[in-house]
């Protein structure tokens, strides 16, 4: 799916997807009152949500991640980067799966390996991709990968310090 033509269009698309996801999640049909519900779901104030609805701004990445997890949709879809809403079941084209893997990698690397090497980044990216291919949801893959990278980071640090690697 091509990216929106303008920033205004992107803001509109993000809002439409947040609203659609919130309506489905809360099993509601009417839009009335949803801004307040979305504010509660996101942890953002009602003024911020009103700006999203009017296309004046869009949520921060971490807010989008929180909403995607809550609503059971992919971060890539909610932020307007793909046309596939859910990471569950069968995946769309490979670039959509890689987009989700990249989102996971970006979070894990920024939290655990901010000064990591390219080799480490690529390892995390490959592992994120493998977890998604194995059928993990975006949230499950992210959680698993955070734990795995914390362990791997200790191994990499031991290797860098010249200590023998622990087996297991």
C-alpha atoms as a PDB file:
ATOM      1  CA  UNK A   1       0.000   0.000   0.000  1.00  0.00           C
ATOM      2  CA  UNK A   2       1.509   3.359  -0.953  1.00  0.00           C
ATOM      3  CA  UNK A   3       2.099   5.952   1.708  1.00  0.00           C
ATOM      4  CA  UNK A   4      -0.443   8.765   1.979  1.00  0.00           C
ATOM      5  CA  UNK A   5       0.205  11.644  -0.418  1.00  0.00           C
ATOM      6  CA  UNK A   6       0.475  14.323   2.275  1.00  0.00           C
ATOM      7  CA  UNK A   7       0.996  14.686   5.983  1.00  0.00           C
ATOM      8  CA  UNK A   8      -2.615  15.825   6.352  1.00  0.00           C
ATOM      9  CA  UNK A   9      -3.805  12.707   4.563  1.00  0.00           C
ATOM     10  CA  UNK A  10      -1.572  10.570   6.791  1.00  0.00           C
ATOM     11  CA  UNK A  11      -3.038  12.174   9.937  1.00  0.00           C
ATOM     12  CA  UNK A  12      -6.552  11.550   8.613  1.00  0.00           C
ATOM     13  CA  UNK A  13      -5.752   7.914   7.808  1.00  0.00           C
ATOM     14  CA  UNK A  14      -4.234   7.314  11.259  1.00  0.00           C
ATOM     15  CA  UNK A  15      -7.312   8.777  12.941  1.00  0.00           C
ATOM     16  CA  UNK A  16      -9.692   6.724  10.790  1.00  0.00           C
ATOM     17  CA  UNK A  17      -7.826   3.559  11.713  1.00  0.00           C
ATOM     18  CA  UNK A  18      -7.738   4.407  15.419  1.00  0.00           C
ATOM     19  CA  UNK A  19     -11.473   5.107  15.372  1.00  0.00           C
ATOM     20  CA  UNK A  20     -12.259   1.950  13.377  1.00  0.00           C
ATOM     21  CA  UNK A  21     -10.158  -0.181  15.734  1.00  0.00           C
ATOM     22  CA  UNK A  22     -11.671   1.390  18.848  1.00  0.00           C
ATOM     23  CA  UNK A  23     -15.213   0.857  17.584  1.00  0.00           C
ATOM     24  CA  UNK A  24     -14.495  -2.817  16.880  1.00  0.00           C
ATOM     25  CA  UNK A  25     -12.636  -3.326  20.161  1.00  0.00           C
ATOM     26  CA  UNK A  26     -15.437  -1.785  22.219  1.00  0.00           C
ATOM     27  CA  UNK A  27     -18.149  -3.365  20.018  1.00  0.00           C
ATOM     28  CA  UNK A  28     -19.756  -0.035  19.312  1.00  0.00           C
ATOM     29  CA  UNK A  29     -21.358   1.261  16.170  1.00  0.00           C
ATOM     30  CA  UNK A  30     -21.799   4.930  16.995  1.00  0.00           C
ATOM     31  CA  UNK A  31     -18.921   7.388  16.847  1.00  0.00           C
ATOM     32  CA  UNK A  32     -20.461   9.633  19.510  1.00  0.00           C
ATOM     33  CA  UNK A  33     -18.343   9.574  22.684  1.00  0.00           C
ATOM     34  CA  UNK A  34     -15.474   7.647  21.127  1.00  0.00           C
ATOM     35  CA  UNK A  35     -12.942  10.456  21.523  1.00  0.00           C
ATOM     36  CA  UNK A  36     -13.283  10.162  25.294  1.00  0.00           C
ATOM     37  CA  UNK A  37     -13.008   6.359  25.107  1.00  0.00           C
ATOM     38  CA  UNK A  38      -9.900   6.602  22.902  1.00  0.00           C
ATOM     39  CA  UNK A  39      -8.391   9.141  25.317  1.00  0.00           C
ATOM     40  CA  UNK A  40      -8.833   6.630  28.134  1.00  0.00           C
ATOM     41  CA  UNK A  41      -7.457   3.771  26.025  1.00  0.00           C
ATOM     42  CA  UNK A  42      -4.411   5.751  24.917  1.00  0.00           C
ATOM     43  CA  UNK A  43      -3.604   7.547  28.158  1.00  0.00           C
ATOM     44  CA  UNK A  44      -3.672  10.810  26.207  1.00  0.00           C
ATOM     45  CA  UNK A  45      -5.843  13.747  27.133  1.00  0.00           C
ATOM     46  CA  UNK A  46      -9.118  14.492  25.403  1.00  0.00           C
ATOM     47  CA  UNK A  47      -7.577  17.660  23.913  1.00  0.00           C
ATOM     48  CA  UNK A  48      -4.859  15.578  22.227  1.00  0.00           C
ATOM     49  CA  UNK A  49      -7.430  13.108  20.876  1.00  0.00           C
ATOM     50  CA  UNK A  50      -9.519  15.996  19.571  1.00  0.00           C
ATOM     51  CA  UNK A  51      -6.464  17.219  17.625  1.00  0.00           C
ATOM     52  CA  UNK A  52      -6.015  13.738  16.151  1.00  0.00           C
ATOM     53  CA  UNK A  53      -9.673  13.674  15.083  1.00  0.00           C
ATOM     54  CA  UNK A  54      -9.356  17.120  13.467  1.00  0.00           C
ATOM     55  CA  UNK A  55      -6.157  16.152  11.647  1.00  0.00           C
ATOM     56  CA  UNK A  56      -4.074  18.734  13.501  1.00  0.00           C
ATOM     57  CA  UNK A  57      -1.678  16.142  14.914  1.00  0.00           C
ATOM     58  CA  UNK A  58      -1.237  12.416  15.269  1.00  0.00           C
ATOM     59  CA  UNK A  59      -0.325  10.263  18.254  1.00  0.00           C
ATOM     60  CA  UNK A  60       3.250   9.634  19.332  1.00  0.00           C
ATOM     61  CA  UNK A  61       4.697   6.284  18.289  1.00  0.00           C
ATOM     62  CA  UNK A  62       4.461   4.806  21.800  1.00  0.00           C
ATOM     63  CA  UNK A  63       0.797   5.840  22.016  1.00  0.00           C
ATOM     64  CA  UNK A  64       0.118   4.160  18.671  1.00  0.00           C
ATOM     65  CA  UNK A  65       1.921   1.048  19.931  1.00  0.00           C
ATOM     66  CA  UNK A  66      -0.243   1.001  23.080  1.00  0.00           C
ATOM     67  CA  UNK A  67      -3.424   1.340  21.037  1.00  0.00           C
ATOM     68  CA  UNK A  68      -2.318  -1.294  18.504  1.00  0.00           C
ATOM     69  CA  UNK A  69      -1.670  -3.765  21.322  1.00  0.00           C
ATOM     70  CA  UNK A  70      -4.990  -3.010  23.002  1.00  0.00           C
ATOM     71  CA  UNK A  71      -7.028  -3.148  19.806  1.00  0.00           C
ATOM     72  CA  UNK A  72      -5.268  -6.227  18.424  1.00  0.00           C
ATOM     73  CA  UNK A  73      -3.998  -4.615  15.224  1.00  0.00           C
ATOM     74  CA  UNK A  74      -0.478  -4.137  13.916  1.00  0.00           C
ATOM     75  CA  UNK A  75       1.403  -0.942  14.595  1.00  0.00           C
ATOM     76  CA  UNK A  76       2.256  -0.746  10.895  1.00  0.00           C
ATOM     77  CA  UNK A  77      -1.435  -0.783   9.964  1.00  0.00           C
ATOM     78  CA  UNK A  78      -2.547   1.645  12.670  1.00  0.00           C
ATOM     79  CA  UNK A  79       0.158   4.131  11.658  1.00  0.00           C
ATOM     80  CA  UNK A  80      -0.987   3.937   8.026  1.00  0.00           C
ATOM     81  CA  UNK A  81       1.974   2.028   6.604  1.00  0.00           C
ATOM     82  CA  UNK A  82       0.155  -1.149   5.486  1.00  0.00           C
ATOM     83  CA  UNK A  83      -3.271  -2.218   4.388  1.00  0.00           C
ATOM     84  CA  UNK A  84      -3.376  -5.321   6.643  1.00  0.00           C
ATOM     85  CA  UNK A  85      -4.878  -4.714  10.079  1.00  0.00           C
ATOM     86  CA  UNK A  86      -3.848  -7.805  11.985  1.00  0.00           C
ATOM     87  CA  UNK A  87      -0.638  -9.706  12.437  1.00  0.00           C
ATOM     88  CA  UNK A  88      -2.561 -12.841  13.318  1.00  0.00           C
ATOM     89  CA  UNK A  89      -3.222 -15.701  10.946  1.00  0.00           C
ATOM     90  CA  UNK A  90      -1.836 -15.436   7.452  1.00  0.00           C
ATOM     91  CA  UNK A  91       0.322 -12.495   6.494  1.00  0.00           C
ATOM     92  CA  UNK A  92       0.101 -10.265   3.484  1.00  0.00           C
ATOM     93  CA  UNK A  93       3.035  -9.536   1.204  1.00  0.00           C
ATOM     94  CA  UNK A  94       6.520 -10.026   2.582  1.00  0.00           C
ATOM     95  CA  UNK A  95       7.203  -6.298   2.838  1.00  0.00           C
ATOM     96  CA  UNK A  96       4.328  -5.950   5.333  1.00  0.00           C
ATOM     97  CA  UNK A  97       5.778  -8.690   7.505  1.00  0.00           C
ATOM     98  CA  UNK A  98       9.197  -7.060   7.285  1.00  0.00           C
ATOM     99  CA  UNK A  99       7.629  -3.737   8.254  1.00  0.00           C
ATOM    100  CA  UNK A 100       6.267  -5.295  11.440  1.00  0.00           C
ATOM    101  CA  UNK A 101       9.636  -6.972  12.082  1.00  0.00           C
ATOM    102  CA  UNK A 102      11.308  -3.588  11.626  1.00  0.00           C
ATOM    103  CA  UNK A 103       8.955  -1.945  14.153  1.00  0.00           C
ATOM    104  CA  UNK A 104       9.815  -4.635  16.688  1.00  0.00           C
ATOM    105  CA  UNK A 105      13.530  -4.354  15.919  1.00  0.00           C
ATOM    106  CA  UNK A 106      13.479  -0.583  16.267  1.00  0.00           C
ATOM    107  CA  UNK A 107      11.915  -0.819  19.728  1.00  0.00           C
ATOM    108  CA  UNK A 108      14.191  -3.605  20.979  1.00  0.00           C
ATOM    109  CA  UNK A 109      17.376  -2.024  19.653  1.00  0.00           C
ATOM    110  CA  UNK A 110      16.505   1.420  21.020  1.00  0.00           C
ATOM    111  CA  UNK A 111      15.792  -0.051  24.469  1.00  0.00           C
ATOM    112  CA  UNK A 112      18.504  -2.681  24.772  1.00  0.00           C
ATOM    113  CA  UNK A 113      21.179  -1.979  22.152  1.00  0.00           C
ATOM    114  CA  UNK A 114      21.304   1.784  21.526  1.00  0.00           C
ATOM    115  CA  UNK A 115      25.038   1.551  20.719  1.00  0.00           C
ATOM    116  CA  UNK A 116      24.888  -1.894  19.148  1.00  0.00           C
ATOM    117  CA  UNK A 117      26.688  -3.016  16.035  1.00  0.00           C
ATOM    118  CA  UNK A 118      25.198  -3.614  12.616  1.00  0.00           C
ATOM    119  CA  UNK A 119      25.690  -7.351  13.222  1.00  0.00           C
ATOM    120  CA  UNK A 120      23.553  -7.104  16.376  1.00  0.00           C
ATOM    121  CA  UNK A 121      20.876  -5.064  14.618  1.00  0.00           C
ATOM    122  CA  UNK A 122      20.672  -7.626  11.825  1.00  0.00           C
ATOM    123  CA  UNK A 123      20.487 -10.492  14.328  1.00  0.00           C
ATOM    124  CA  UNK A 124      17.546  -8.787  16.066  1.00  0.00           C
ATOM    125  CA  UNK A 125      15.826  -8.103  12.732  1.00  0.00           C
ATOM    126  CA  UNK A 126      16.222 -11.706  11.570  1.00  0.00           C
ATOM    127  CA  UNK A 127      14.975 -13.034  14.899  1.00  0.00           C
ATOM    128  CA  UNK A 128      11.931 -10.705  14.854  1.00  0.00           C
ATOM    129  CA  UNK A 129      11.134 -11.907  11.346  1.00  0.00           C
ATOM    130  CA  UNK A 130      11.523 -15.571  12.376  1.00  0.00           C
ATOM    131  CA  UNK A 131       9.170 -15.114  15.340  1.00  0.00           C
ATOM    132  CA  UNK A 132       6.524 -13.537  13.110  1.00  0.00           C
ATOM    133  CA  UNK A 133       6.895 -16.278  10.516  1.00  0.00           C
ATOM    134  CA  UNK A 134       6.381 -18.810  13.327  1.00  0.00           C
ATOM    135  CA  UNK A 135       2.938 -17.269  13.905  1.00  0.00           C
ATOM    136  CA  UNK A 136       3.640 -15.023  16.890  1.00  0.00           C
ATOM    137  CA  UNK A 137       1.587 -11.847  17.118  1.00  0.00           C
ATOM    138  CA  UNK A 138       3.461  -8.550  17.076  1.00  0.00           C
ATOM    139  CA  UNK A 139       3.047  -8.222  20.832  1.00  0.00           C
ATOM    140  CA  UNK A 140       4.203 -11.792  21.534  1.00  0.00           C
ATOM    141  CA  UNK A 141       7.211 -11.451  19.232  1.00  0.00           C
ATOM    142  CA  UNK A 142       8.199  -8.166  20.865  1.00  0.00           C
ATOM    143  CA  UNK A 143       8.013  -9.673  24.367  1.00  0.00           C
ATOM    144  CA  UNK A 144       9.941 -12.791  23.388  1.00  0.00           C
ATOM    145  CA  UNK A 145      12.569 -10.757  21.596  1.00  0.00           C
ATOM    146  CA  UNK A 146      13.101  -8.373  24.513  1.00  0.00           C
ATOM    147  CA  UNK A 147      13.894 -11.379  26.717  1.00  0.00           C
ATOM    148  CA  UNK A 148      16.114 -13.044  24.105  1.00  0.00           C
ATOM    149  CA  UNK A 149      18.075  -9.875  23.363  1.00  0.00           C
ATOM    150  CA  UNK A 150      18.664  -9.198  27.063  1.00  0.00           C
ATOM    151  CA  UNK A 151      20.260 -12.669  27.284  1.00  0.00           C
ATOM    152  CA  UNK A 152      22.147 -12.266  24.006  1.00  0.00           C
ATOM    153  CA  UNK A 153      23.419  -8.854  25.130  1.00  0.00           C
ATOM    154  CA  UNK A 154      25.092 -10.496  28.123  1.00  0.00           C
ATOM    155  CA  UNK A 155      26.728 -13.014  25.770  1.00  0.00           C
ATOM    156  CA  UNK A 156      27.914 -10.261  23.430  1.00  0.00           C
ATOM    157  CA  UNK A 157      29.268  -8.282  26.376  1.00  0.00           C
ATOM    158  CA  UNK A 158      31.108 -11.339  27.743  1.00  0.00           C
ATOM    159  CA  UNK A 159      32.630 -11.931  24.307  1.00  0.00           C
ATOM    160  CA  UNK A 160      33.679  -8.281  24.059  1.00  0.00           C
ATOM    161  CA  UNK A 161      35.255  -8.458  27.523  1.00  0.00           C
ATOM    162  CA  UNK A 162      37.178 -11.583  26.530  1.00  0.00           C
ATOM    163  CA  UNK A 163      35.319 -13.930  28.866  1.00  0.00           C
ATOM    164  CA  UNK A 164      34.560 -17.463  27.698  1.00  0.00           C
ATOM    165  CA  UNK A 165      31.001 -17.969  26.449  1.00  0.00           C
ATOM    166  CA  UNK A 166      28.609 -19.909  28.675  1.00  0.00           C
ATOM    167  CA  UNK A 167      27.026 -22.903  26.994  1.00  0.00           C
ATOM    168  CA  UNK A 168      23.277 -23.208  27.046  1.00  0.00           C
END
